[in-house]
PDB file of N, CA and C in Angstrom:
ATOM      1  N   UNK A   1       5.793 122.709  54.083  1.00  0.00           N
ATOM      2  CA  UNK A   1       5.541 121.465  54.789  1.00  0.00           C
ATOM      3  C   UNK A   1       6.010 120.303  53.901  1.00  0.00           C
ATOM      4  N   UNK A   2       6.804 119.393  54.472  1.00  0.00           N
ATOM      5  CA  UNK A   2       7.303 118.262  53.684  1.00  0.00           C
ATOM      6  C   UNK A   2       6.325 117.082  53.733  1.00  0.00           C
ATOM      7  N   UNK A   3       6.624 116.057  52.941  1.00  0.00           N
ATOM      8  CA  UNK A   3       5.720 114.898  52.834  1.00  0.00           C
ATOM      9  C   UNK A   3       5.503 114.185  54.156  1.00  0.00           C
ATOM     10  N   UNK A   4       6.563 114.068  54.969  1.00  0.00           N
ATOM     11  CA  UNK A   4       6.412 113.420  56.270  1.00  0.00           C
ATOM     12  C   UNK A   4       5.432 114.194  57.144  1.00  0.00           C
ATOM     13  N   UNK A   5       5.578 115.502  57.209  1.00  0.00           N
ATOM     14  CA  UNK A   5       4.681 116.319  58.023  1.00  0.00           C
ATOM     15  C   UNK A   5       3.238 116.204  57.536  1.00  0.00           C
ATOM     16  N   UNK A   6       3.053 116.172  56.241  1.00  0.00           N
ATOM     17  CA  UNK A   6       1.715 116.028  55.663  1.00  0.00           C
ATOM     18  C   UNK A   6       1.107 114.687  56.075  1.00  0.00           C
ATOM     19  N   UNK A   7       1.897 113.609  55.965  1.00  0.00           N
ATOM     20  CA  UNK A   7       1.385 112.278  56.315  1.00  0.00           C
ATOM     21  C   UNK A   7       1.098 112.170  57.806  1.00  0.00           C
ATOM     22  N   UNK A   8       1.922 112.781  58.636  1.00  0.00           N
ATOM     23  CA  UNK A   8       1.664 112.775  60.076  1.00  0.00           C
ATOM     24  C   UNK A   8       0.333 113.461  60.388  1.00  0.00           C
ATOM     25  N   UNK A   9       0.079 114.582  59.721  1.00  0.00           N
ATOM     26  CA  UNK A   9      -1.187 115.307  59.936  1.00  0.00           C
ATOM     27  C   UNK A   9      -2.380 114.462  59.495  1.00  0.00           C
ATOM     28  N   UNK A  10      -2.240 113.749  58.398  1.00  0.00           N
ATOM     29  CA  UNK A  10      -3.314 112.876  57.911  1.00  0.00           C
ATOM     30  C   UNK A  10      -3.625 111.808  58.952  1.00  0.00           C
ATOM     31  N   UNK A  11      -2.575 111.212  59.526  1.00  0.00           N
ATOM     32  CA  UNK A  11      -2.759 110.200  60.568  1.00  0.00           C
ATOM     33  C   UNK A  11      -3.423 110.823  61.795  1.00  0.00           C
ATOM     34  N   UNK A  12      -2.908 111.959  62.238  1.00  0.00           N
ATOM     35  CA  UNK A  12      -3.444 112.629  63.432  1.00  0.00           C
ATOM     36  C   UNK A  12      -4.924 112.985  63.274  1.00  0.00           C
ATOM     37  N   UNK A  13      -5.327 113.382  62.067  1.00  0.00           N
ATOM     38  CA  UNK A  13      -6.729 113.746  61.814  1.00  0.00           C
ATOM     39  C   UNK A  13      -7.632 112.531  61.683  1.00  0.00           C
ATOM     40  N   UNK A  14      -7.050 111.327  61.598  1.00  0.00           N
ATOM     41  CA  UNK A  14      -7.854 110.120  61.449  1.00  0.00           C
ATOM     42  C   UNK A  14      -8.235 109.819  60.015  1.00  0.00           C
ATOM     43  N   UNK A  15      -7.541 110.463  59.054  1.00  0.00           N
ATOM     44  CA  UNK A  15      -7.880 110.315  57.643  1.00  0.00           C
ATOM     45  C   UNK A  15      -6.970 109.348  56.882  1.00  0.00           C
ATOM     46  N   UNK A  16      -6.115 108.613  57.579  1.00  0.00           N
ATOM     47  CA  UNK A  16      -5.213 107.679  56.910  1.00  0.00           C
ATOM     48  C   UNK A  16      -5.871 106.309  56.799  1.00  0.00           C
ATOM     49  N   UNK A  17      -6.172 105.893  55.578  1.00  0.00           N
ATOM     50  CA  UNK A  17      -6.776 104.570  55.379  1.00  0.00           C
ATOM     51  C   UNK A  17      -5.819 103.464  55.800  1.00  0.00           C
ATOM     52  N   UNK A  18      -4.536 103.625  55.509  1.00  0.00           N
ATOM     53  CA  UNK A  18      -3.555 102.599  55.870  1.00  0.00           C
ATOM     54  C   UNK A  18      -3.452 102.483  57.392  1.00  0.00           C
ATOM     55  N   UNK A  19      -3.215 103.611  58.068  1.00  0.00           N
ATOM     56  CA  UNK A  19      -3.108 103.539  59.524  1.00  0.00           C
ATOM     57  C   UNK A  19      -4.387 102.984  60.132  1.00  0.00           C
ATOM     58  N   UNK A  20      -5.530 103.486  59.712  1.00  0.00           N
ATOM     59  CA  UNK A  20      -6.795 103.014  60.291  1.00  0.00           C
ATOM     60  C   UNK A  20      -6.955 101.504  60.116  1.00  0.00           C
ATOM     61  N   UNK A  21      -6.586 100.987  58.958  1.00  0.00           N
ATOM     62  CA  UNK A  21      -6.663  99.546  58.711  1.00  0.00           C
ATOM     63  C   UNK A  21      -5.695  98.790  59.612  1.00  0.00           C
ATOM     64  N   UNK A  22      -4.450  99.247  59.675  1.00  0.00           N
ATOM     65  CA  UNK A  22      -3.446  98.570  60.493  1.00  0.00           C
ATOM     66  C   UNK A  22      -3.821  98.643  61.971  1.00  0.00           C
ATOM     67  N   UNK A  23      -4.421  99.745  62.381  1.00  0.00           N
ATOM     68  CA  UNK A  23      -4.843  99.886  63.774  1.00  0.00           C
ATOM     69  C   UNK A  23      -5.988  98.919  64.095  1.00  0.00           C
ATOM     70  N   UNK A  24      -7.000  98.916  63.241  1.00  0.00           N
ATOM     71  CA  UNK A  24      -8.178  98.066  63.464  1.00  0.00           C
ATOM     72  C   UNK A  24      -7.853  96.581  63.365  1.00  0.00           C
ATOM     73  N   UNK A  25      -7.042  96.191  62.395  1.00  0.00           N
ATOM     74  CA  UNK A  25      -6.792  94.776  62.135  1.00  0.00           C
ATOM     75  C   UNK A  25      -5.536  94.211  62.788  1.00  0.00           C
ATOM     76  N   UNK A  26      -4.588  95.075  63.113  1.00  0.00           N
ATOM     77  CA  UNK A  26      -3.329  94.597  63.679  1.00  0.00           C
ATOM     78  C   UNK A  26      -2.992  95.219  65.032  1.00  0.00           C
ATOM     79  N   UNK A  27      -3.778  96.191  65.472  1.00  0.00           N
ATOM     80  CA  UNK A  27      -3.539  96.814  66.777  1.00  0.00           C
ATOM     81  C   UNK A  27      -2.374  97.784  66.815  1.00  0.00           C
ATOM     82  N   UNK A  28      -1.951  98.281  65.666  1.00  0.00           N
ATOM     83  CA  UNK A  28      -0.837  99.232  65.611  1.00  0.00           C
ATOM     84  C   UNK A  28      -1.305 100.571  66.174  1.00  0.00           C
ATOM     85  N   UNK A  29      -0.528 101.127  67.112  1.00  0.00           N
ATOM     86  CA  UNK A  29      -0.903 102.411  67.718  1.00  0.00           C
ATOM     87  C   UNK A  29      -0.495 103.568  66.805  1.00  0.00           C
ATOM     88  N   UNK A  30      -1.111 104.699  67.026  1.00  0.00           N
ATOM     89  CA  UNK A  30      -0.785 105.903  66.263  1.00  0.00           C
ATOM     90  C   UNK A  30       0.685 106.270  66.467  1.00  0.00           C
ATOM     91  N   UNK A  31       1.160 106.151  67.707  1.00  0.00           N
ATOM     92  CA  UNK A  31       2.549 106.488  68.011  1.00  0.00           C
ATOM     93  C   UNK A  31       3.513 105.559  67.267  1.00  0.00           C
ATOM     94  N   UNK A  32       3.212 104.264  67.251  1.00  0.00           N
ATOM     95  CA  UNK A  32       4.055 103.302  66.523  1.00  0.00           C
ATOM     96  C   UNK A  32       4.099 103.637  65.037  1.00  0.00           C
ATOM     97  N   UNK A  33       2.928 103.931  64.484  1.00  0.00           N
ATOM     98  CA  UNK A  33       2.825 104.201  63.057  1.00  0.00           C
ATOM     99  C   UNK A  33       3.614 105.455  62.685  1.00  0.00           C
ATOM    100  N   UNK A  34       3.451 106.513  63.469  1.00  0.00           N
ATOM    101  CA  UNK A  34       4.167 107.761  63.185  1.00  0.00           C
ATOM    102  C   UNK A  34       5.673 107.557  63.341  1.00  0.00           C
ATOM    103  N   UNK A  35       6.087 106.818  64.346  1.00  0.00           N
ATOM    104  CA  UNK A  35       7.510 106.514  64.510  1.00  0.00           C
ATOM    105  C   UNK A  35       8.024 105.735  63.294  1.00  0.00           C
ATOM    106  N   UNK A  36       7.211 104.801  62.792  1.00  0.00           N
ATOM    107  CA  UNK A  36       7.566 104.060  61.585  1.00  0.00           C
ATOM    108  C   UNK A  36       7.698 104.964  60.371  1.00  0.00           C
ATOM    109  N   UNK A  37       6.784 105.926  60.235  1.00  0.00           N
ATOM    110  CA  UNK A  37       6.871 106.887  59.133  1.00  0.00           C
ATOM    111  C   UNK A  37       8.154 107.705  59.226  1.00  0.00           C
ATOM    112  N   UNK A  38       8.495 108.123  60.446  1.00  0.00           N
ATOM    113  CA  UNK A  38       9.715 108.913  60.636  1.00  0.00           C
ATOM    114  C   UNK A  38      10.945 108.111  60.208  1.00  0.00           C
ATOM    115  N   UNK A  39      10.990 106.831  60.582  1.00  0.00           N
ATOM    116  CA  UNK A  39      12.102 105.977  60.151  1.00  0.00           C
ATOM    117  C   UNK A  39      12.113 105.854  58.624  1.00  0.00           C
ATOM    118  N   UNK A  40      10.945 105.650  58.047  1.00  0.00           N
ATOM    119  CA  UNK A  40      10.812 105.473  56.606  1.00  0.00           C
ATOM    120  C   UNK A  40      11.353 106.682  55.843  1.00  0.00           C
ATOM    121  N   UNK A  41      11.049 107.873  56.337  1.00  0.00           N
ATOM    122  CA  UNK A  41      11.455 109.100  55.648  1.00  0.00           C
ATOM    123  C   UNK A  41      12.914 109.490  55.881  1.00  0.00           C
ATOM    124  N   UNK A  42      13.628 108.742  56.695  1.00  0.00           N
ATOM    125  CA  UNK A  42      15.070 108.964  56.856  1.00  0.00           C
ATOM    126  C   UNK A  42      15.847 108.113  55.855  1.00  0.00           C
ATOM    127  N   UNK A  43      15.160 107.585  54.872  1.00  0.00           N
ATOM    128  CA  UNK A  43      15.754 106.718  53.853  1.00  0.00           C
ATOM    129  C   UNK A  43      16.909 107.445  53.162  1.00  0.00           C
ATOM    130  N   UNK A  44      18.118 106.844  53.205  1.00  0.00           N
ATOM    131  CA  UNK A  44      19.266 107.493  52.574  1.00  0.00           C
ATOM    132  C   UNK A  44      19.293 107.347  51.050  1.00  0.00           C
ATOM    133  N   UNK A  45      18.420 106.531  50.478  1.00  0.00           N
ATOM    134  CA  UNK A  45      18.409 106.197  49.050  1.00  0.00           C
ATOM    135  C   UNK A  45      19.712 105.496  48.663  1.00  0.00           C
ATOM    136  N   UNK A  46      19.649 104.690  47.629  1.00  0.00           N
ATOM    137  CA  UNK A  46      20.863 103.991  47.180  1.00  0.00           C
ATOM    138  C   UNK A  46      21.617 104.846  46.160  1.00  0.00           C
ATOM    139  N   UNK A  47      22.703 104.305  45.632  1.00  0.00           N
ATOM    140  CA  UNK A  47      23.545 105.065  44.699  1.00  0.00           C
ATOM    141  C   UNK A  47      22.817 105.448  43.412  1.00  0.00           C
ATOM    142  N   UNK A  48      21.706 104.774  43.121  1.00  0.00           N
ATOM    143  CA  UNK A  48      20.909 105.101  41.936  1.00  0.00           C
ATOM    144  C   UNK A  48      19.693 105.966  42.274  1.00  0.00           C
ATOM    145  N   UNK A  49      19.621 106.428  43.527  1.00  0.00           N
ATOM    146  CA  UNK A  49      18.519 107.294  43.947  1.00  0.00           C
ATOM    147  C   UNK A  49      17.222 106.558  44.210  1.00  0.00           C
ATOM    148  N   UNK A  50      17.293 105.238  44.423  1.00  0.00           N
ATOM    149  CA  UNK A  50      16.086 104.447  44.688  1.00  0.00           C
ATOM    150  C   UNK A  50      15.885 104.276  46.184  1.00  0.00           C
ATOM    151  N   UNK A  51      14.605 104.117  46.567  1.00  0.00           N
ATOM    152  CA  UNK A  51      14.258 103.889  47.967  1.00  0.00           C
ATOM    153  C   UNK A  51      14.937 102.621  48.473  1.00  0.00           C
ATOM    154  N   UNK A  52      15.367 102.655  49.738  1.00  0.00           N
ATOM    155  CA  UNK A  52      15.993 101.484  50.344  1.00  0.00           C
ATOM    156  C   UNK A  52      15.207 100.982  51.551  1.00  0.00           C
ATOM    157  N   UNK A  53      14.137 101.674  51.912  1.00  0.00           N
ATOM    158  CA  UNK A  53      13.367 101.301  53.099  1.00  0.00           C
ATOM    159  C   UNK A  53      11.907 101.048  52.762  1.00  0.00           C
ATOM    160  N   UNK A  54      11.314 100.176  53.553  1.00  0.00           N
ATOM    161  CA  UNK A  54       9.894  99.827  53.440  1.00  0.00           C
ATOM    162  C   UNK A  54       9.422  99.532  54.866  1.00  0.00           C
ATOM    163  N   UNK A  55       8.202  99.899  55.194  1.00  0.00           N
ATOM    164  CA  UNK A  55       7.640  99.627  56.517  1.00  0.00           C
ATOM    165  C   UNK A  55       6.579  98.546  56.364  1.00  0.00           C
ATOM    166  N   UNK A  56       6.836  97.400  56.995  1.00  0.00           N
ATOM    167  CA  UNK A  56       5.919  96.279  56.892  1.00  0.00           C
ATOM    168  C   UNK A  56       5.074  96.117  58.145  1.00  0.00           C
ATOM    169  N   UNK A  57       3.933  95.463  57.990  1.00  0.00           N
ATOM    170  CA  UNK A  57       3.052  95.178  59.112  1.00  0.00           C
ATOM    171  C   UNK A  57       2.604  93.726  59.013  1.00  0.00           C
ATOM    172  N   UNK A  58       2.821  92.986  60.104  1.00  0.00           N
ATOM    173  CA  UNK A  58       2.441  91.576  60.130  1.00  0.00           C
ATOM    174  C   UNK A  58       2.295  91.141  61.587  1.00  0.00           C
ATOM    175  N   UNK A  59       1.249  90.392  61.858  1.00  0.00           N
ATOM    176  CA  UNK A  59       1.028  89.819  63.187  1.00  0.00           C
ATOM    177  C   UNK A  59       1.082  90.856  64.305  1.00  0.00           C
ATOM    178  N   UNK A  60       0.503  92.021  64.052  1.00  0.00           N
ATOM    179  CA  UNK A  60       0.414  93.056  65.083  1.00  0.00           C
ATOM    180  C   UNK A  60       1.710  93.790  65.371  1.00  0.00           C
ATOM    181  N   UNK A  61       2.640  93.742  64.435  1.00  0.00           N
ATOM    182  CA  UNK A  61       3.942  94.365  64.646  1.00  0.00           C
ATOM    183  C   UNK A  61       4.406  95.065  63.374  1.00  0.00           C
ATOM    184  N   UNK A  62       5.134  96.178  63.545  1.00  0.00           N
ATOM    185  CA  UNK A  62       5.740  96.864  62.410  1.00  0.00           C
ATOM    186  C   UNK A  62       7.161  96.354  62.208  1.00  0.00           C
ATOM    187  N   UNK A  63       7.554  96.253  60.957  1.00  0.00           N
ATOM    188  CA  UNK A  63       8.886  95.758  60.614  1.00  0.00           C
ATOM    189  C   UNK A  63       9.613  96.767  59.737  1.00  0.00           C
ATOM    190  N   UNK A  64      10.869  97.013  60.067  1.00  0.00           N
ATOM    191  CA  UNK A  64      11.730  97.832  59.226  1.00  0.00           C
ATOM    192  C   UNK A  64      12.342  96.904  58.184  1.00  0.00           C
ATOM    193  N   UNK A  65      12.067  97.206  56.934  1.00  0.00           N
ATOM    194  CA  UNK A  65      12.510  96.351  55.836  1.00  0.00           C
ATOM    195  C   UNK A  65      13.481  97.081  54.928  1.00  0.00           C
ATOM    196  N   UNK A  66      14.383  96.304  54.309  1.00  0.00           N
ATOM    197  CA  UNK A  66      15.296  96.836  53.294  1.00  0.00           C
ATOM    198  C   UNK A  66      14.747  96.463  51.933  1.00  0.00           C
ATOM    199  N   UNK A  67      14.742  97.423  51.024  1.00  0.00           N
ATOM    200  CA  UNK A  67      14.415  97.149  49.623  1.00  0.00           C
ATOM    201  C   UNK A  67      15.725  96.786  48.935  1.00  0.00           C
ATOM    202  N   UNK A  68      15.793  95.607  48.341  1.00  0.00           N
ATOM    203  CA  UNK A  68      17.019  95.127  47.710  1.00  0.00           C
ATOM    204  C   UNK A  68      16.807  95.074  46.197  1.00  0.00           C
ATOM    205  N   UNK A  69      17.870  95.445  45.476  1.00  0.00           N
ATOM    206  CA  UNK A  69      17.814  95.492  44.014  1.00  0.00           C
ATOM    207  C   UNK A  69      18.914  94.609  43.425  1.00  0.00           C
ATOM    208  N   UNK A  70      18.642  94.061  42.251  1.00  0.00           N
ATOM    209  CA  UNK A  70      19.666  93.331  41.506  1.00  0.00           C
ATOM    210  C   UNK A  70      20.674  94.329  40.920  1.00  0.00           C
ATOM    211  N   UNK A  71      21.782  93.819  40.430  1.00  0.00           N
ATOM    212  CA  UNK A  71      22.816  94.682  39.850  1.00  0.00           C
ATOM    213  C   UNK A  71      22.301  95.527  38.700  1.00  0.00           C
ATOM    214  N   UNK A  72      21.309  95.028  37.968  1.00  0.00           N
ATOM    215  CA  UNK A  72      20.767  95.801  36.838  1.00  0.00           C
ATOM    216  C   UNK A  72      19.776  96.869  37.295  1.00  0.00           C
ATOM    217  N   UNK A  73      19.545  96.982  38.622  1.00  0.00           N
ATOM    218  CA  UNK A  73      18.657  98.005  39.166  1.00  0.00           C
ATOM    219  C   UNK A  73      17.222  97.562  39.348  1.00  0.00           C
ATOM    220  N   UNK A  74      16.874  96.356  38.885  1.00  0.00           N
ATOM    221  CA  UNK A  74      15.499  95.883  39.063  1.00  0.00           C
ATOM    222  C   UNK A  74      15.294  95.418  40.510  1.00  0.00           C
ATOM    223  N   UNK A  75      14.066  95.490  40.960  1.00  0.00           N
ATOM    224  CA  UNK A  75      13.721  95.173  42.340  1.00  0.00           C
ATOM    225  C   UNK A  75      13.839  93.680  42.606  1.00  0.00           C
ATOM    226  N   UNK A  76      14.508  93.312  43.716  1.00  0.00           N
ATOM    227  CA  UNK A  76      14.706  91.902  44.070  1.00  0.00           C
ATOM    228  C   UNK A  76      13.774  91.447  45.190  1.00  0.00           C
ATOM    229  N   UNK A  77      13.490  92.305  46.158  1.00  0.00           N
ATOM    230  CA  UNK A  77      12.613  91.908  47.251  1.00  0.00           C
ATOM    231  C   UNK A  77      12.855  92.712  48.509  1.00  0.00           C
ATOM    232  N   UNK A  78      12.094  92.364  49.549  1.00  0.00           N
ATOM    233  CA  UNK A  78      12.217  93.011  50.851  1.00  0.00           C
ATOM    234  C   UNK A  78      12.901  92.049  51.815  1.00  0.00           C
ATOM    235  N   UNK A  79      13.757  92.604  52.667  1.00  0.00           N
ATOM    236  CA  UNK A  79      14.465  91.813  53.667  1.00  0.00           C
ATOM    237  C   UNK A  79      14.368  92.516  55.017  1.00  0.00           C
ATOM    238  N   UNK A  80      14.291  91.733  56.092  1.00  0.00           N
ATOM    239  CA  UNK A  80      14.267  92.294  57.433  1.00  0.00           C
ATOM    240  C   UNK A  80      15.557  93.075  57.658  1.00  0.00           C
ATOM    241  N   UNK A  81      15.415  94.275  58.182  1.00  0.00           N
ATOM    242  CA  UNK A  81      16.581  95.126  58.416  1.00  0.00           C
ATOM    243  C   UNK A  81      17.583  94.473  59.381  1.00  0.00           C
ATOM    244  N   UNK A  82      17.090  93.834  60.427  1.00  0.00           N
ATOM    245  CA  UNK A  82      17.972  93.291  61.460  1.00  0.00           C
ATOM    246  C   UNK A  82      18.530  91.908  61.134  1.00  0.00           C
ATOM    247  N   UNK A  83      17.736  91.059  60.509  1.00  0.00           N
ATOM    248  CA  UNK A  83      18.147  89.664  60.311  1.00  0.00           C
ATOM    249  C   UNK A  83      18.595  89.338  58.890  1.00  0.00           C
ATOM    250  N   UNK A  84      18.309  90.228  57.952  1.00  0.00           N
ATOM    251  CA  UNK A  84      18.586  90.000  56.524  1.00  0.00           C
ATOM    252  C   UNK A  84      17.825  88.812  55.949  1.00  0.00           C
ATOM    253  N   UNK A  85      16.791  88.363  56.655  1.00  0.00           N
ATOM    254  CA  UNK A  85      15.921  87.293  56.154  1.00  0.00           C
ATOM    255  C   UNK A  85      14.898  87.918  55.205  1.00  0.00           C
ATOM    256  N   UNK A  86      14.520  87.178  54.190  1.00  0.00           N
ATOM    257  CA  UNK A  86      13.522  87.663  53.233  1.00  0.00           C
ATOM    258  C   UNK A  86      12.184  87.877  53.941  1.00  0.00           C
ATOM    259  N   UNK A  87      11.500  88.944  53.589  1.00  0.00           N
ATOM    260  CA  UNK A  87      10.194  89.304  54.151  1.00  0.00           C
ATOM    261  C   UNK A  87       9.110  88.547  53.402  1.00  0.00           C
ATOM    262  N   UNK A  88       8.291  87.843  54.141  1.00  0.00           N
ATOM    263  CA  UNK A  88       7.186  87.113  53.534  1.00  0.00           C
ATOM    264  C   UNK A  88       5.838  87.660  53.957  1.00  0.00           C
ATOM    265  N   UNK A  89       5.834  88.860  54.495  1.00  0.00           N
ATOM    266  CA  UNK A  89       4.568  89.511  54.813  1.00  0.00           C
ATOM    267  C   UNK A  89       3.916  90.015  53.539  1.00  0.00           C
ATOM    268  N   UNK A  90       2.686  90.421  53.642  1.00  0.00           N
ATOM    269  CA  UNK A  90       1.946  90.849  52.455  1.00  0.00           C
ATOM    270  C   UNK A  90       1.639  92.340  52.437  1.00  0.00           C
ATOM    271  N   UNK A  91       1.887  93.023  53.550  1.00  0.00           N
ATOM    272  CA  UNK A  91       1.488  94.420  53.644  1.00  0.00           C
ATOM    273  C   UNK A  91       2.685  95.283  54.023  1.00  0.00           C
ATOM    274  N   UNK A  92       2.959  96.297  53.196  1.00  0.00           N
ATOM    275  CA  UNK A  92       4.040  97.238  53.497  1.00  0.00           C
ATOM    276  C   UNK A  92       3.795  98.536  52.754  1.00  0.00           C
ATOM    277  N   UNK A  93       4.483  99.569  53.216  1.00  0.00           N
ATOM    278  CA  UNK A  93       4.405 100.882  52.553  1.00  0.00           C
ATOM    279  C   UNK A  93       5.801 101.435  52.366  1.00  0.00           C
ATOM    280  N   UNK A  94       5.943 102.282  51.351  1.00  0.00           N
ATOM    281  CA  UNK A  94       7.176 102.996  51.089  1.00  0.00           C
ATOM    282  C   UNK A  94       6.868 104.496  51.202  1.00  0.00           C
ATOM    283  N   UNK A  95       7.880 105.349  51.189  1.00  0.00           N
ATOM    284  CA  UNK A  95       7.612 106.781  51.275  1.00  0.00           C
ATOM    285  C   UNK A  95       6.745 107.321  50.129  1.00  0.00           C
ATOM    286  N   UNK A  96       6.733 106.649  49.013  1.00  0.00           N
ATOM    287  CA  UNK A  96       5.954 107.155  47.868  1.00  0.00           C
ATOM    288  C   UNK A  96       4.482 106.761  47.914  1.00  0.00           C
ATOM    289  N   UNK A  97       4.120 105.858  48.829  1.00  0.00           N
ATOM    290  CA  UNK A  97       2.729 105.400  48.904  1.00  0.00           C
ATOM    291  C   UNK A  97       1.819 106.422  49.565  1.00  0.00           C
ATOM    292  N   UNK A  98       0.584 106.449  49.114  1.00  0.00           N
ATOM    293  CA  UNK A  98      -0.440 107.264  49.769  1.00  0.00           C
ATOM    294  C   UNK A  98      -0.892 106.515  51.015  1.00  0.00           C
ATOM    295  N   UNK A  99      -1.122 107.270  52.067  1.00  0.00           N
ATOM    296  CA  UNK A  99      -1.552 106.602  53.295  1.00  0.00           C
ATOM    297  C   UNK A  99      -2.992 106.927  53.602  1.00  0.00           C
TER     298      UNK A  99
END
């Protein structure tokens, strides 16, 4: 069983603190959250093997975010996947986060 399957089972069982919080406080549905996890785990990684995706939650909506790095490999910030605008939300998860 891979990490995505494990996280999906955690959500389905009602044991995900992140999903439960996002559901209670932002109205995110289980289906939306799982679809977001599936997108997150399709991360192609960059040329240095670093994550390029982040799943954000703000104002009752999930956002697909890009993780951007400086040329030296240090983290620069999150940007909206569609608009390339900088993300100013406060809550997001990456594939390495516990849910």
